[in-house]
Amino acid sequence: MRALGHTRSAPAGHVRGGAVALRLALDHPDTVSRVAFIDCPPVTGHISRITARFVTQG
């Protein structure tokens, strides 16, 4: 986002994309104005495992 000149965003994620949006909001709260999770499985027990590798695996 920063490389494209954006300083704030409002990400929305569907299923696995929800994990991406959540990780972004947790890691960079200063850049996220709000976030939407759509049809996502519960991730509270797995939050520490949501890494870049996890969210990019197909």
PDB file of N, CA and C in Angstrom:
ATOM      1  N   MET A   1       0.819  -1.184   0.000  1.00  0.00           N
ATOM      2  CA  MET A   1       0.000   0.000   0.000  1.00  0.00           C
ATOM      3  C   MET A   1       0.867   1.253   0.000  1.00  0.00           C
ATOM      4  N   ARG A   2       1.859   1.243   0.875  1.00  0.00           N
ATOM      5  CA  ARG A   2       2.721   2.426   0.956  1.00  0.00           C
ATOM      6  C   ARG A   2       3.471   2.654  -0.349  1.00  0.00           C
ATOM      7  N   ALA A   3       3.894   1.577  -0.996  1.00  0.00           N
ATOM      8  CA  ALA A   3       4.622   1.696  -2.264  1.00  0.00           C
ATOM      9  C   ALA A   3       3.750   2.341  -3.337  1.00  0.00           C
ATOM     10  N   LEU A   4       2.432   2.211  -3.202  1.00  0.00           N
ATOM     11  CA  LEU A   4       1.504   2.810  -4.161  1.00  0.00           C
ATOM     12  C   LEU A   4       1.030   4.192  -3.726  1.00  0.00           C
ATOM     13  N   GLY A   5       1.542   4.658  -2.583  1.00  0.00           N
ATOM     14  CA  GLY A   5       1.197   5.997  -2.126  1.00  0.00           C
ATOM     15  C   GLY A   5      -0.011   6.076  -1.207  1.00  0.00           C
ATOM     16  N   HIS A   6      -0.514   4.940  -0.735  1.00  0.00           N
ATOM     17  CA  HIS A   6      -1.677   4.920   0.157  1.00  0.00           C
ATOM     18  C   HIS A   6      -1.209   4.873   1.604  1.00  0.00           C
ATOM     19  N   THR A   7      -1.766   5.719   2.437  1.00  0.00           N
ATOM     20  CA  THR A   7      -1.387   5.718   3.849  1.00  0.00           C
ATOM     21  C   THR A   7      -2.444   5.057   4.731  1.00  0.00           C
ATOM     22  N   ARG A   8      -3.685   5.002   4.265  1.00  0.00           N
ATOM     23  CA  ARG A   8      -4.774   4.359   5.023  1.00  0.00           C
ATOM     24  C   ARG A   8      -5.592   3.499   4.071  1.00  0.00           C
ATOM     25  N   SER A   9      -6.220   2.474   4.639  1.00  0.00           N
ATOM     26  CA  SER A   9      -7.075   1.615   3.819  1.00  0.00           C
ATOM     27  C   SER A   9      -8.211   1.066   4.677  1.00  0.00           C
ATOM     28  N   ALA A  10      -9.178   0.488   4.024  1.00  0.00           N
ATOM     29  CA  ALA A  10     -10.296  -0.188   4.675  1.00  0.00           C
ATOM     30  C   ALA A  10     -10.441  -1.555   4.006  1.00  0.00           C
ATOM     31  N   PRO A  11      -9.600  -2.514   4.390  1.00  0.00           N
ATOM     32  CA  PRO A  11      -9.620  -3.811   3.717  1.00  0.00           C
ATOM     33  C   PRO A  11     -10.867  -4.621   4.045  1.00  0.00           C
ATOM     34  N   ALA A  12     -11.262  -5.441   3.099  1.00  0.00           N
ATOM     35  CA  ALA A  12     -12.351  -6.397   3.283  1.00  0.00           C
ATOM     36  C   ALA A  12     -11.825  -7.742   2.835  1.00  0.00           C
ATOM     37  N   GLY A  13     -12.135  -8.791   3.575  1.00  0.00           N
ATOM     38  CA  GLY A  13     -11.638 -10.106   3.221  1.00  0.00           C
ATOM     39  C   GLY A  13     -12.735 -11.155   3.238  1.00  0.00           C
ATOM     40  N   HIS A  14     -12.678 -12.040   2.263  1.00  0.00           N
ATOM     41  CA  HIS A  14     -13.620 -13.147   2.151  1.00  0.00           C
ATOM     42  C   HIS A  14     -12.863 -14.442   2.389  1.00  0.00           C
ATOM     43  N   VAL A  15     -13.314 -15.258   3.311  1.00  0.00           N
ATOM     44  CA  VAL A  15     -12.717 -16.528   3.713  1.00  0.00           C
ATOM     45  C   VAL A  15     -11.237 -16.314   4.064  1.00  0.00           C
ATOM     46  N   ARG A  16     -10.299 -16.845   3.291  1.00  0.00           N
ATOM     47  CA  ARG A  16      -8.872 -16.701   3.610  1.00  0.00           C
ATOM     48  C   ARG A  16      -8.453 -15.229   3.558  1.00  0.00           C
ATOM     49  N   GLY A  17      -9.067 -14.450   2.720  1.00  0.00           N
ATOM     50  CA  GLY A  17      -8.767 -13.031   2.665  1.00  0.00           C
ATOM     51  C   GLY A  17      -9.107 -12.327   3.971  1.00  0.00           C
ATOM     52  N   GLY A  18     -10.033 -12.898   4.733  1.00  0.00           N
ATOM     53  CA  GLY A  18     -10.342 -12.356   6.048  1.00  0.00           C
ATOM     54  C   GLY A  18      -9.142 -12.448   6.973  1.00  0.00           C
ATOM     55  N   ALA A  19      -8.390 -13.535   6.855  1.00  0.00           N
ATOM     56  CA  ALA A  19      -7.173 -13.692   7.653  1.00  0.00           C
ATOM     57  C   ALA A  19      -6.140 -12.646   7.251  1.00  0.00           C
ATOM     58  N   VAL A  20      -6.069 -12.363   5.968  1.00  0.00           N
ATOM     59  CA  VAL A  20      -5.138 -11.340   5.476  1.00  0.00           C
ATOM     60  C   VAL A  20      -5.538  -9.979   6.034  1.00  0.00           C
ATOM     61  N   ALA A  21      -6.815  -9.647   5.944  1.00  0.00           N
ATOM     62  CA  ALA A  21      -7.303  -8.359   6.446  1.00  0.00           C
ATOM     63  C   ALA A  21      -7.090  -8.247   7.953  1.00  0.00           C
ATOM     64  N   LEU A  22      -7.325  -9.327   8.678  1.00  0.00           N
ATOM     65  CA  LEU A  22      -7.122  -9.321  10.121  1.00  0.00           C
ATOM     66  C   LEU A  22      -5.658  -9.113  10.472  1.00  0.00           C
ATOM     67  N   ARG A  23      -4.771  -9.835   9.796  1.00  0.00           N
ATOM     68  CA  ARG A  23      -3.340  -9.704  10.073  1.00  0.00           C
ATOM     69  C   ARG A  23      -2.870  -8.289   9.765  1.00  0.00           C
ATOM     70  N   LEU A  24      -3.364  -7.707   8.673  1.00  0.00           N
ATOM     71  CA  LEU A  24      -3.009  -6.332   8.324  1.00  0.00           C
ATOM     72  C   LEU A  24      -3.461  -5.379   9.424  1.00  0.00           C
ATOM     73  N   ALA A  25      -4.689  -5.546   9.888  1.00  0.00           N
ATOM     74  CA  ALA A  25      -5.219  -4.665  10.928  1.00  0.00           C
ATOM     75  C   ALA A  25      -4.458  -4.819  12.238  1.00  0.00           C
ATOM     76  N   LEU A  26      -4.053  -6.038  12.571  1.00  0.00           N
ATOM     77  CA  LEU A  26      -3.309  -6.259  13.813  1.00  0.00           C
ATOM     78  C   LEU A  26      -1.872  -5.759  13.728  1.00  0.00           C
ATOM     79  N   ASP A  27      -1.244  -5.966  12.589  1.00  0.00           N
ATOM     80  CA  ASP A  27       0.160  -5.588  12.436  1.00  0.00           C
ATOM     81  C   ASP A  27       0.363  -4.109  12.136  1.00  0.00           C
ATOM     82  N   HIS A  28      -0.620  -3.479  11.511  1.00  0.00           N
ATOM     83  CA  HIS A  28      -0.488  -2.075  11.098  1.00  0.00           C
ATOM     84  C   HIS A  28      -1.767  -1.299  11.411  1.00  0.00           C
ATOM     85  N   PRO A  29      -2.148  -1.217  12.673  1.00  0.00           N
ATOM     86  CA  PRO A  29      -3.411  -0.552  13.016  1.00  0.00           C
ATOM     87  C   PRO A  29      -3.455   0.924  12.618  1.00  0.00           C
ATOM     88  N   ASP A  30      -2.297   1.541  12.488  1.00  0.00           N
ATOM     89  CA  ASP A  30      -2.258   2.947  12.099  1.00  0.00           C
ATOM     90  C   ASP A  30      -2.625   3.166  10.633  1.00  0.00           C
ATOM     91  N   THR A  31      -2.624   2.103   9.835  1.00  0.00           N
ATOM     92  CA  THR A  31      -2.938   2.242   8.407  1.00  0.00           C
ATOM     93  C   THR A  31      -4.344   1.763   8.059  1.00  0.00           C
ATOM     94  N   VAL A  32      -5.042   1.164   9.011  1.00  0.00           N
ATOM     95  CA  VAL A  32      -6.370   0.588   8.739  1.00  0.00           C
ATOM     96  C   VAL A  32      -7.446   1.432   9.418  1.00  0.00           C
ATOM     97  N   SER A  33      -8.353   1.976   8.619  1.00  0.00           N
ATOM     98  CA  SER A  33      -9.417   2.812   9.172  1.00  0.00           C
ATOM     99  C   SER A  33     -10.605   1.982   9.654  1.00  0.00           C
ATOM    100  N   ARG A  34     -10.875   0.886   8.974  1.00  0.00           N
ATOM    101  CA  ARG A  34     -11.920  -0.071   9.345  1.00  0.00           C
ATOM    102  C   ARG A  34     -11.671  -1.337   8.553  1.00  0.00           C
ATOM    103  N   VAL A  35     -12.299  -2.435   8.943  1.00  0.00           N
ATOM    104  CA  VAL A  35     -12.057  -3.710   8.270  1.00  0.00           C
ATOM    105  C   VAL A  35     -13.360  -4.511   8.232  1.00  0.00           C
ATOM    106  N   ALA A  36     -13.540  -5.291   7.171  1.00  0.00           N
ATOM    107  CA  ALA A  36     -14.734  -6.129   7.028  1.00  0.00           C
ATOM    108  C   ALA A  36     -14.313  -7.572   6.782  1.00  0.00           C
ATOM    109  N   PHE A  37     -14.950  -8.486   7.497  1.00  0.00           N
ATOM    110  CA  PHE A  37     -14.712  -9.917   7.329  1.00  0.00           C
ATOM    111  C   PHE A  37     -15.995 -10.534   6.788  1.00  0.00           C
ATOM    112  N   ILE A  38     -15.885 -11.213   5.672  1.00  0.00           N
ATOM    113  CA  ILE A  38     -17.064 -11.759   5.020  1.00  0.00           C
ATOM    114  C   ILE A  38     -16.940 -13.268   4.920  1.00  0.00           C
ATOM    115  N   ASP A  39     -17.879 -13.985   5.565  1.00  0.00           N
ATOM    116  CA  ASP A  39     -17.941 -15.443   5.481  1.00  0.00           C
ATOM    117  C   ASP A  39     -16.621 -16.092   5.899  1.00  0.00           C
ATOM    118  N   CYS A  40     -16.056 -15.632   7.020  1.00  0.00           N
ATOM    119  CA  CYS A  40     -14.762 -16.127   7.482  1.00  0.00           C
ATOM    120  C   CYS A  40     -14.939 -17.132   8.614  1.00  0.00           C
ATOM    121  N   PRO A  41     -14.103 -18.157   8.629  1.00  0.00           N
ATOM    122  CA  PRO A  41     -14.137 -19.089   9.763  1.00  0.00           C
ATOM    123  C   PRO A  41     -13.535 -18.414  10.991  1.00  0.00           C
ATOM    124  N   PRO A  42     -13.868 -18.890  12.185  1.00  0.00           N
ATOM    125  CA  PRO A  42     -13.287 -18.306  13.394  1.00  0.00           C
ATOM    126  C   PRO A  42     -11.771 -18.502  13.416  1.00  0.00           C
ATOM    127  N   VAL A  43     -11.046 -17.468  13.791  1.00  0.00           N
ATOM    128  CA  VAL A  43      -9.589 -17.559  13.777  1.00  0.00           C
ATOM    129  C   VAL A  43      -8.960 -17.248  15.127  1.00  0.00           C
ATOM    130  N   THR A  44      -9.751 -16.992  16.151  1.00  0.00           N
ATOM    131  CA  THR A  44      -9.178 -16.578  17.428  1.00  0.00           C
ATOM    132  C   THR A  44      -8.156 -17.564  17.971  1.00  0.00           C
ATOM    133  N   GLY A  45      -8.395 -18.837  17.841  1.00  0.00           N
ATOM    134  CA  GLY A  45      -7.456 -19.828  18.338  1.00  0.00           C
ATOM    135  C   GLY A  45      -6.229 -19.983  17.464  1.00  0.00           C
ATOM    136  N   HIS A  46      -6.263 -19.418  16.273  1.00  0.00           N
ATOM    137  CA  HIS A  46      -5.180 -19.596  15.319  1.00  0.00           C
ATOM    138  C   HIS A  46      -4.464 -18.302  14.966  1.00  0.00           C
ATOM    139  N   ILE A  47      -4.767 -17.226  15.663  1.00  0.00           N
ATOM    140  CA  ILE A  47      -4.250 -15.915  15.282  1.00  0.00           C
ATOM    141  C   ILE A  47      -2.724 -15.887  15.211  1.00  0.00           C
ATOM    142  N   SER A  48      -2.057 -16.594  16.086  1.00  0.00           N
ATOM    143  CA  SER A  48      -0.592 -16.573  16.066  1.00  0.00           C
ATOM    144  C   SER A  48      -0.023 -17.317  14.862  1.00  0.00           C
ATOM    145  N   ARG A  49      -0.820 -18.206  14.248  1.00  0.00           N
ATOM    146  CA  ARG A  49      -0.354 -18.951  13.080  1.00  0.00           C
ATOM    147  C   ARG A  49      -0.647 -18.242  11.767  1.00  0.00           C
ATOM    148  N   ILE A  50      -1.383 -17.150  11.794  1.00  0.00           N
ATOM    149  CA  ILE A  50      -1.711 -16.433  10.564  1.00  0.00           C
ATOM    150  C   ILE A  50      -0.511 -15.590  10.169  1.00  0.00           C
ATOM    151  N   THR A  51       0.306 -16.166   9.344  1.00  0.00           N
ATOM    152  CA  THR A  51       1.527 -15.511   8.862  1.00  0.00           C
ATOM    153  C   THR A  51       1.399 -15.244   7.377  1.00  0.00           C
ATOM    154  N   ALA A  52       2.392 -14.593   6.797  1.00  0.00           N
ATOM    155  CA  ALA A  52       2.389 -14.336   5.357  1.00  0.00           C
ATOM    156  C   ALA A  52       2.326 -15.658   4.595  1.00  0.00           C
ATOM    157  N   ARG A  53       3.018 -16.674   5.063  1.00  0.00           N
ATOM    158  CA  ARG A  53       3.000 -17.979   4.380  1.00  0.00           C
ATOM    159  C   ARG A  53       1.604 -18.594   4.416  1.00  0.00           C
ATOM    160  N   PHE A  54       0.931 -18.501   5.572  1.00  0.00           N
ATOM    161  CA  PHE A  54      -0.405 -19.060   5.720  1.00  0.00           C
ATOM    162  C   PHE A  54      -1.392 -18.416   4.754  1.00  0.00           C
ATOM    163  N   VAL A  55      -1.373 -17.106   4.650  1.00  0.00           N
ATOM    164  CA  VAL A  55      -2.375 -16.421   3.844  1.00  0.00           C
ATOM    165  C   VAL A  55      -2.084 -16.468   2.342  1.00  0.00           C
ATOM    166  N   THR A  56      -0.896 -16.906   1.959  1.00  0.00           N
ATOM    167  CA  THR A  56      -0.597 -16.977   0.523  1.00  0.00           C
ATOM    168  C   THR A  56      -0.632 -18.397  -0.019  1.00  0.00           C
ATOM    169  N   GLN A  57      -0.827 -19.389   0.822  1.00  0.00           N
ATOM    170  CA  GLN A  57      -0.916 -20.756   0.327  1.00  0.00           C
ATOM    171  C   GLN A  57      -2.288 -20.971  -0.312  1.00  0.00           C
ATOM    172  N   GLY A  58      -2.303 -21.670  -1.433  1.00  0.00           N
ATOM    173  CA  GLY A  58      -3.556 -21.914  -2.140  1.00  0.00           C
ATOM    174  C   GLY A  58      -4.271 -23.145  -1.731  1.00  0.00           C
TER     175      GLY A  58
END
